[in-house]
Amino acid sequence: MLFGASSYGNFLADAVSIFFLVVWFWLLWMAVGDLWWREDISSAMKVVWAVALIVLPYIGVFVYVVSQGAGMARRRNERLRWVVREQFPQAPGFSAADEITKLERLKADGLLSDAEYGRMRERIVQ
């Protein structure tokens, strides 16, 4: 009985039910978001997954998370890296010239090899 009686057992059951409902909505949000941004599957497969998430909401979410979980994490990390890479040069106080000067100082001190210096300089110049 949701929010009915005032006994501790009912309160605990309601709290656990609400917790699982919130977790399910969070998983649904993550699955839909991942599905929206995926580029490795066709639109037809996206529609199949969307229908599965709508028609069989609990089972569809759990099947998606279990079967696509590793890919979800990888895709999320790639998106976050892209956002950071795009936003970092626009951050206040960032200067590519200053960063290259710091790299040259590290190379002169012997803390960076030529290969590391070249790789890091390439990242900054991009």
Protein backbone atom coordinates (compact mmCIF):
# COMPACT_ATOMS: atom_id res chain seq x y z
CA MET A 1 0.00 0.00 0.00
CA LEU A 2 1.76 3.12 -1.23
CA PHE A 3 1.47 6.04 1.22
CA GLY A 4 -1.54 4.41 2.93
CA ALA A 5 -0.98 3.40 6.53
CA SER A 6 1.55 4.94 8.84
CA SER A 7 3.26 1.82 10.16
CA TYR A 8 7.03 1.51 9.85
CA GLY A 9 6.77 -1.57 7.63
CA ASN A 10 4.60 0.24 5.11
CA PHE A 11 6.89 3.25 5.20
CA LEU A 12 9.92 1.04 4.57
CA ALA A 13 8.17 -0.76 1.70
CA ASP A 14 7.19 2.59 0.18
CA ALA A 15 10.73 3.93 0.51
CA VAL A 16 12.21 0.85 -1.16
CA SER A 17 9.60 1.03 -3.93
CA ILE A 18 10.37 4.68 -4.58
CA PHE A 19 14.11 3.95 -4.58
CA PHE A 20 13.73 1.22 -7.21
CA LEU A 21 11.46 3.46 -9.28
CA VAL A 22 14.08 6.23 -9.25
CA VAL A 23 16.83 3.74 -10.18
CA TRP A 24 14.70 2.42 -13.03
CA PHE A 25 14.03 5.94 -14.36
CA TRP A 26 17.76 6.68 -14.18
CA LEU A 27 18.56 3.49 -16.13
CA LEU A 28 15.86 4.35 -18.67
CA TRP A 29 17.31 7.85 -19.08
CA MET A 30 20.82 6.43 -19.57
CA ALA A 31 19.60 3.83 -22.09
CA VAL A 32 17.59 6.35 -24.14
CA GLY A 33 20.47 8.82 -24.07
CA ASP A 34 22.94 6.19 -25.22
CA LEU A 35 20.55 5.01 -27.91
CA TRP A 36 20.06 8.59 -29.14
CA TRP A 37 23.79 9.29 -29.57
CA ARG A 38 24.82 5.93 -31.01
CA GLU A 39 26.34 6.02 -34.48
CA ASP A 40 27.33 2.37 -34.74
CA ILE A 41 23.83 0.97 -35.34
CA SER A 42 21.26 1.68 -38.00
CA SER A 43 18.13 3.72 -37.53
CA ALA A 44 16.06 0.55 -37.85
CA MET A 45 17.86 -1.01 -34.86
CA LYS A 46 17.35 2.21 -32.91
CA VAL A 47 13.63 1.92 -33.60
CA VAL A 48 13.63 -1.74 -32.49
CA TRP A 49 15.36 -0.81 -29.23
CA ALA A 50 13.01 2.16 -28.71
CA VAL A 51 9.97 -0.06 -29.20
CA ALA A 52 11.44 -2.59 -26.77
CA LEU A 53 11.97 0.17 -24.21
CA ILE A 54 8.39 1.41 -24.63
CA VAL A 55 6.52 -1.91 -24.92
CA LEU A 56 8.52 -3.84 -22.32
CA PRO A 57 9.83 -1.02 -20.15
CA TYR A 58 11.42 -2.94 -17.28
CA ILE A 59 12.69 -5.90 -19.27
CA GLY A 60 13.76 -3.67 -22.19
CA VAL A 61 15.84 -1.38 -19.96
CA PHE A 62 17.51 -4.25 -18.16
CA VAL A 63 18.25 -6.14 -21.38
CA TYR A 64 19.69 -2.99 -22.98
CA VAL A 65 21.89 -2.20 -19.99
CA VAL A 66 23.14 -5.78 -19.66
CA SER A 67 23.79 -6.32 -23.37
CA GLN A 68 25.15 -2.84 -24.16
CA GLY A 69 26.70 -1.85 -20.80
CA ALA A 70 30.37 -1.99 -21.81
CA GLY A 71 29.65 -0.09 -25.02
CA MET A 72 27.59 2.47 -23.10
CA ALA A 73 30.55 3.26 -20.85
CA ARG A 74 32.97 3.47 -23.76
CA ARG A 75 30.68 5.73 -25.80
CA ARG A 76 30.03 7.99 -22.80
CA ASN A 77 33.77 8.36 -22.17
CA GLU A 78 34.37 9.18 -25.84
CA ARG A 79 31.65 11.86 -25.74
CA LEU A 80 33.10 13.35 -22.55
CA ARG A 81 36.61 13.39 -24.04
CA TRP A 82 35.24 15.16 -27.10
CA VAL A 83 33.49 17.78 -24.94
CA VAL A 84 36.63 18.40 -22.90
CA ARG A 85 38.79 18.60 -26.02
CA GLU A 86 36.40 21.11 -27.58
CA GLN A 87 35.93 23.22 -24.44
CA PHE A 88 39.46 23.20 -22.99
CA PRO A 89 41.09 25.59 -25.47
CA GLN A 90 38.26 28.06 -24.87
CA ALA A 91 38.76 28.06 -21.10
CA PRO A 92 39.89 31.36 -19.60
CA GLY A 93 43.62 31.57 -19.09
CA PHE A 94 44.49 28.91 -21.66
CA SER A 95 47.11 29.85 -24.19
CA ALA A 96 48.60 27.39 -26.63
CA ALA A 97 51.84 29.39 -26.66
CA ASP A 98 52.11 29.15 -22.84
CA GLU A 99 51.49 25.42 -22.93
CA ILE A 100 54.14 24.90 -25.63
CA THR A 101 56.59 26.96 -23.56
CA LYS A 102 55.89 24.71 -20.56
CA LEU A 103 56.45 21.64 -22.73
CA GLU A 104 59.75 23.03 -24.01
CA ARG A 105 60.86 23.67 -20.43
CA LEU A 106 59.98 20.07 -19.46
CA LYS A 107 61.86 18.76 -22.51
CA ALA A 108 64.91 20.90 -21.67
CA ASP A 109 64.88 19.56 -18.11
CA GLY A 110 64.89 16.03 -19.49
CA LEU A 111 61.45 15.12 -18.17
CA LEU A 112 59.98 14.58 -21.65
CA SER A 113 61.37 12.57 -24.52
CA ASP A 114 61.25 13.86 -28.09
CA ALA A 115 58.36 11.51 -28.90
CA GLU A 116 56.35 12.60 -25.84
CA TYR A 117 57.05 16.25 -26.61
CA GLY A 118 55.90 15.83 -30.20
CA ARG A 119 52.73 14.00 -29.20
CA MET A 120 51.79 16.56 -26.53
CA ARG A 121 52.60 19.50 -28.79
CA GLU A 122 50.39 17.98 -31.49
CA ARG A 123 47.50 17.79 -29.02
CA ILE A 124 47.89 21.43 -28.04
CA VAL A 125 48.15 22.67 -31.62
CA GLN A 126 45.01 20.82 -32.73
